[in-house]
Amino acid sequence: MDIDGMIAELRAERACLDEALIGLEKLAQKRTPRRGRPRKWLRPADIAEPRTQNGSANGSRHVPSTSSAN
């Protein structure tokens, strides 16, 4: 068994993990709450609105308005 080699490998791996942890900690500190409504995919599934057959939550479809500006 090469214990000295194993120790060196584990120290190198620990250094990589420390760098990753520091980066994640910096990201967590910089994160500020976003303004507005949270994204739909971030909301829990039990709060999400049920979908209808046409894919909208309230059953209506978007119909573009016609303009008579010609």
N, C-alpha and C. Protein backbone atom coordinates (compact mmCIF):
# COMPACT_ATOMS: atom_id res chain seq x y z
N MET A 1 0.82 -1.18 0.00
CA MET A 1 0.00 0.00 0.00
C MET A 1 0.87 1.25 0.00
N ASP A 2 0.50 2.17 -0.82
CA ASP A 2 1.21 3.44 -0.88
C ASP A 2 0.39 4.50 -0.14
N ILE A 3 0.59 4.55 1.16
CA ILE A 3 -0.21 5.45 1.99
C ILE A 3 0.13 6.91 1.69
N ASP A 4 1.39 7.18 1.44
CA ASP A 4 1.78 8.56 1.13
C ASP A 4 1.12 9.03 -0.17
N GLY A 5 1.02 8.16 -1.15
CA GLY A 5 0.34 8.50 -2.41
C GLY A 5 -1.14 8.73 -2.21
N MET A 6 -1.75 7.88 -1.37
CA MET A 6 -3.18 8.05 -1.09
C MET A 6 -3.44 9.37 -0.38
N ILE A 7 -2.57 9.72 0.54
CA ILE A 7 -2.73 10.98 1.27
C ILE A 7 -2.59 12.16 0.30
N ALA A 8 -1.66 12.09 -0.60
CA ALA A 8 -1.47 13.17 -1.57
C ALA A 8 -2.70 13.31 -2.47
N GLU A 9 -3.26 12.19 -2.92
CA GLU A 9 -4.47 12.23 -3.76
C GLU A 9 -5.65 12.82 -2.99
N LEU A 10 -5.81 12.42 -1.74
CA LEU A 10 -6.91 12.94 -0.94
C LEU A 10 -6.75 14.43 -0.66
N ARG A 11 -5.53 14.89 -0.46
CA ARG A 11 -5.29 16.32 -0.27
C ARG A 11 -5.63 17.10 -1.53
N ALA A 12 -5.28 16.56 -2.68
CA ALA A 12 -5.61 17.23 -3.95
C ALA A 12 -7.12 17.29 -4.14
N GLU A 13 -7.80 16.20 -3.81
CA GLU A 13 -9.26 16.18 -3.93
C GLU A 13 -9.89 17.16 -2.95
N ARG A 14 -9.35 17.25 -1.75
CA ARG A 14 -9.86 18.20 -0.76
C ARG A 14 -9.68 19.64 -1.26
N ALA A 15 -8.57 19.92 -1.92
CA ALA A 15 -8.34 21.26 -2.46
C ALA A 15 -9.39 21.60 -3.52
N CYS A 16 -9.70 20.64 -4.37
CA CYS A 16 -10.74 20.86 -5.40
C CYS A 16 -12.10 21.10 -4.75
N LEU A 17 -12.42 20.31 -3.74
CA LEU A 17 -13.70 20.49 -3.05
C LEU A 17 -13.77 21.84 -2.34
N ASP A 18 -12.66 22.26 -1.75
CA ASP A 18 -12.64 23.57 -1.08
C ASP A 18 -12.90 24.69 -2.08
N GLU A 19 -12.30 24.61 -3.26
CA GLU A 19 -12.52 25.63 -4.29
C GLU A 19 -13.98 25.66 -4.73
N ALA A 20 -14.57 24.47 -4.90
CA ALA A 20 -15.98 24.40 -5.30
C ALA A 20 -16.88 24.98 -4.22
N LEU A 21 -16.60 24.68 -2.96
CA LEU A 21 -17.39 25.22 -1.86
C LEU A 21 -17.28 26.74 -1.77
N ILE A 22 -16.09 27.26 -1.96
CA ILE A 22 -15.91 28.71 -1.91
C ILE A 22 -16.70 29.38 -3.02
N GLY A 23 -16.67 28.80 -4.21
CA GLY A 23 -17.44 29.36 -5.32
C GLY A 23 -18.93 29.35 -5.05
N LEU A 24 -19.43 28.26 -4.51
CA LEU A 24 -20.86 28.17 -4.20
C LEU A 24 -21.25 29.13 -3.08
N GLU A 25 -20.38 29.31 -2.10
CA GLU A 25 -20.66 30.25 -1.02
C GLU A 25 -20.73 31.68 -1.55
N LYS A 26 -19.85 32.03 -2.50
CA LYS A 26 -19.89 33.36 -3.09
C LYS A 26 -21.19 33.57 -3.87
N LEU A 27 -21.62 32.55 -4.58
CA LEU A 27 -22.88 32.65 -5.31
C LEU A 27 -24.06 32.84 -4.36
N ALA A 28 -24.03 32.14 -3.26
CA ALA A 28 -25.13 32.24 -2.30
C ALA A 28 -25.17 33.63 -1.65
N GLN A 29 -24.03 34.24 -1.43
CA GLN A 29 -23.99 35.56 -0.82
C GLN A 29 -24.46 36.64 -1.79
N LYS A 30 -24.16 36.50 -3.07
CA LYS A 30 -24.52 37.50 -4.06
C LYS A 30 -25.99 37.44 -4.43
N ARG A 31 -26.62 36.36 -4.15
CA ARG A 31 -28.00 36.17 -4.60
C ARG A 31 -28.94 37.11 -3.84
N THR A 32 -29.64 37.93 -4.60
CA THR A 32 -30.63 38.82 -4.03
C THR A 32 -32.00 38.38 -4.51
N PRO A 33 -33.03 38.62 -3.72
CA PRO A 33 -34.36 38.21 -4.15
C PRO A 33 -34.77 38.95 -5.43
N ARG A 34 -35.38 38.22 -6.33
CA ARG A 34 -35.84 38.81 -7.57
C ARG A 34 -37.16 39.53 -7.35
N ARG A 35 -37.40 40.54 -8.14
CA ARG A 35 -38.65 41.26 -8.05
C ARG A 35 -39.70 40.55 -8.88
N GLY A 36 -40.94 40.66 -8.48
CA GLY A 36 -42.03 40.11 -9.26
C GLY A 36 -42.42 38.71 -8.86
N ARG A 37 -43.25 38.12 -9.68
CA ARG A 37 -43.78 36.79 -9.43
C ARG A 37 -42.72 35.74 -9.72
N PRO A 38 -42.62 34.70 -8.88
CA PRO A 38 -41.64 33.64 -9.16
C PRO A 38 -42.03 32.86 -10.41
N ARG A 39 -41.05 32.31 -11.04
CA ARG A 39 -41.29 31.50 -12.25
C ARG A 39 -42.21 30.34 -11.91
N LYS A 40 -42.99 29.92 -12.90
CA LYS A 40 -43.97 28.85 -12.67
C LYS A 40 -43.29 27.54 -12.31
N TRP A 41 -42.13 27.27 -12.89
CA TRP A 41 -41.46 26.00 -12.61
C TRP A 41 -40.85 26.01 -11.21
N LEU A 42 -40.72 27.18 -10.57
CA LEU A 42 -40.21 27.24 -9.21
C LEU A 42 -41.29 27.02 -8.16
N ARG A 43 -42.55 27.22 -8.57
CA ARG A 43 -43.65 27.07 -7.62
C ARG A 43 -43.90 25.60 -7.33
N PRO A 44 -44.32 25.28 -6.10
CA PRO A 44 -44.64 23.89 -5.77
C PRO A 44 -45.80 23.38 -6.63
N ALA A 45 -45.83 22.09 -6.89
CA ALA A 45 -46.84 21.50 -7.78
C ALA A 45 -48.24 21.62 -7.21
N ASP A 46 -48.41 21.61 -5.90
CA ASP A 46 -49.75 21.66 -5.33
C ASP A 46 -50.37 23.06 -5.45
N ILE A 47 -49.56 24.08 -5.67
CA ILE A 47 -50.08 25.44 -5.83
C ILE A 47 -50.35 25.75 -7.31
N ALA A 48 -49.66 25.07 -8.19
CA ALA A 48 -49.79 25.36 -9.62
C ALA A 48 -51.23 25.19 -10.08
N GLU A 49 -51.63 26.04 -11.03
CA GLU A 49 -53.00 26.00 -11.51
C GLU A 49 -53.20 24.81 -12.44
N PRO A 50 -54.37 24.19 -12.39
CA PRO A 50 -54.63 23.07 -13.29
C PRO A 50 -54.75 23.56 -14.73
N ARG A 51 -54.33 22.77 -15.66
CA ARG A 51 -54.38 23.11 -17.07
C ARG A 51 -55.64 22.56 -17.71
N THR A 52 -56.16 23.28 -18.70
CA THR A 52 -57.31 22.80 -19.46
C THR A 52 -56.81 22.17 -20.74
N GLN A 53 -57.72 21.76 -21.60
CA GLN A 53 -57.32 21.08 -22.83
C GLN A 53 -56.51 21.98 -23.75
N ASN A 54 -56.83 23.26 -23.82
CA ASN A 54 -56.11 24.13 -24.74
C ASN A 54 -54.80 24.64 -24.16
N GLY A 55 -54.47 24.27 -22.94
CA GLY A 55 -53.16 24.57 -22.39
C GLY A 55 -53.11 25.79 -21.49
N SER A 56 -54.18 26.57 -21.41
CA SER A 56 -54.14 27.74 -20.54
C SER A 56 -54.75 27.41 -19.18
N ALA A 57 -54.44 28.21 -18.19
CA ALA A 57 -54.89 27.94 -16.84
C ALA A 57 -56.37 28.31 -16.65
N ASN A 58 -56.84 29.36 -17.34
CA ASN A 58 -58.21 29.80 -17.12
C ASN A 58 -59.16 29.39 -18.24
N GLY A 59 -58.69 28.65 -19.22
CA GLY A 59 -59.56 28.14 -20.27
C GLY A 59 -59.73 29.07 -21.45
N SER A 60 -59.15 30.26 -21.40
CA SER A 60 -59.31 31.18 -22.52
C SER A 60 -58.08 31.13 -23.42
N ARG A 61 -58.28 31.44 -24.66
CA ARG A 61 -57.18 31.50 -25.61
C ARG A 61 -56.92 32.94 -25.97
N HIS A 62 -55.68 33.22 -26.29
CA HIS A 62 -55.33 34.58 -26.72
C HIS A 62 -55.72 34.73 -28.19
N VAL A 63 -56.60 35.68 -28.44
CA VAL A 63 -57.04 35.96 -29.80
C VAL A 63 -56.53 37.33 -30.15
N PRO A 64 -55.66 37.42 -31.18
CA PRO A 64 -55.13 38.73 -31.52
C PRO A 64 -56.23 39.66 -32.02
N SER A 65 -56.16 40.90 -31.61
CA SER A 65 -57.17 41.86 -32.02
C SER A 65 -56.87 42.34 -33.43
N THR A 66 -57.93 42.64 -34.17
CA THR A 66 -57.76 43.16 -35.52
C THR A 66 -57.85 44.66 -35.46
N SER A 67 -57.02 45.31 -36.21
CA SER A 67 -57.06 46.77 -36.20
C SER A 67 -57.54 47.26 -37.57
N SER A 68 -58.26 48.34 -37.56
CA SER A 68 -58.76 48.90 -38.82
C SER A 68 -58.01 50.18 -39.14
N ALA A 69 -56.70 50.17 -38.93
CA ALA A 69 -55.88 51.34 -39.15
C ALA A 69 -55.43 51.47 -40.61
N ASN A 70 -55.86 50.61 -41.50
CA ASN A 70 -55.42 50.66 -42.89
C ASN A 70 -56.05 51.77 -43.63
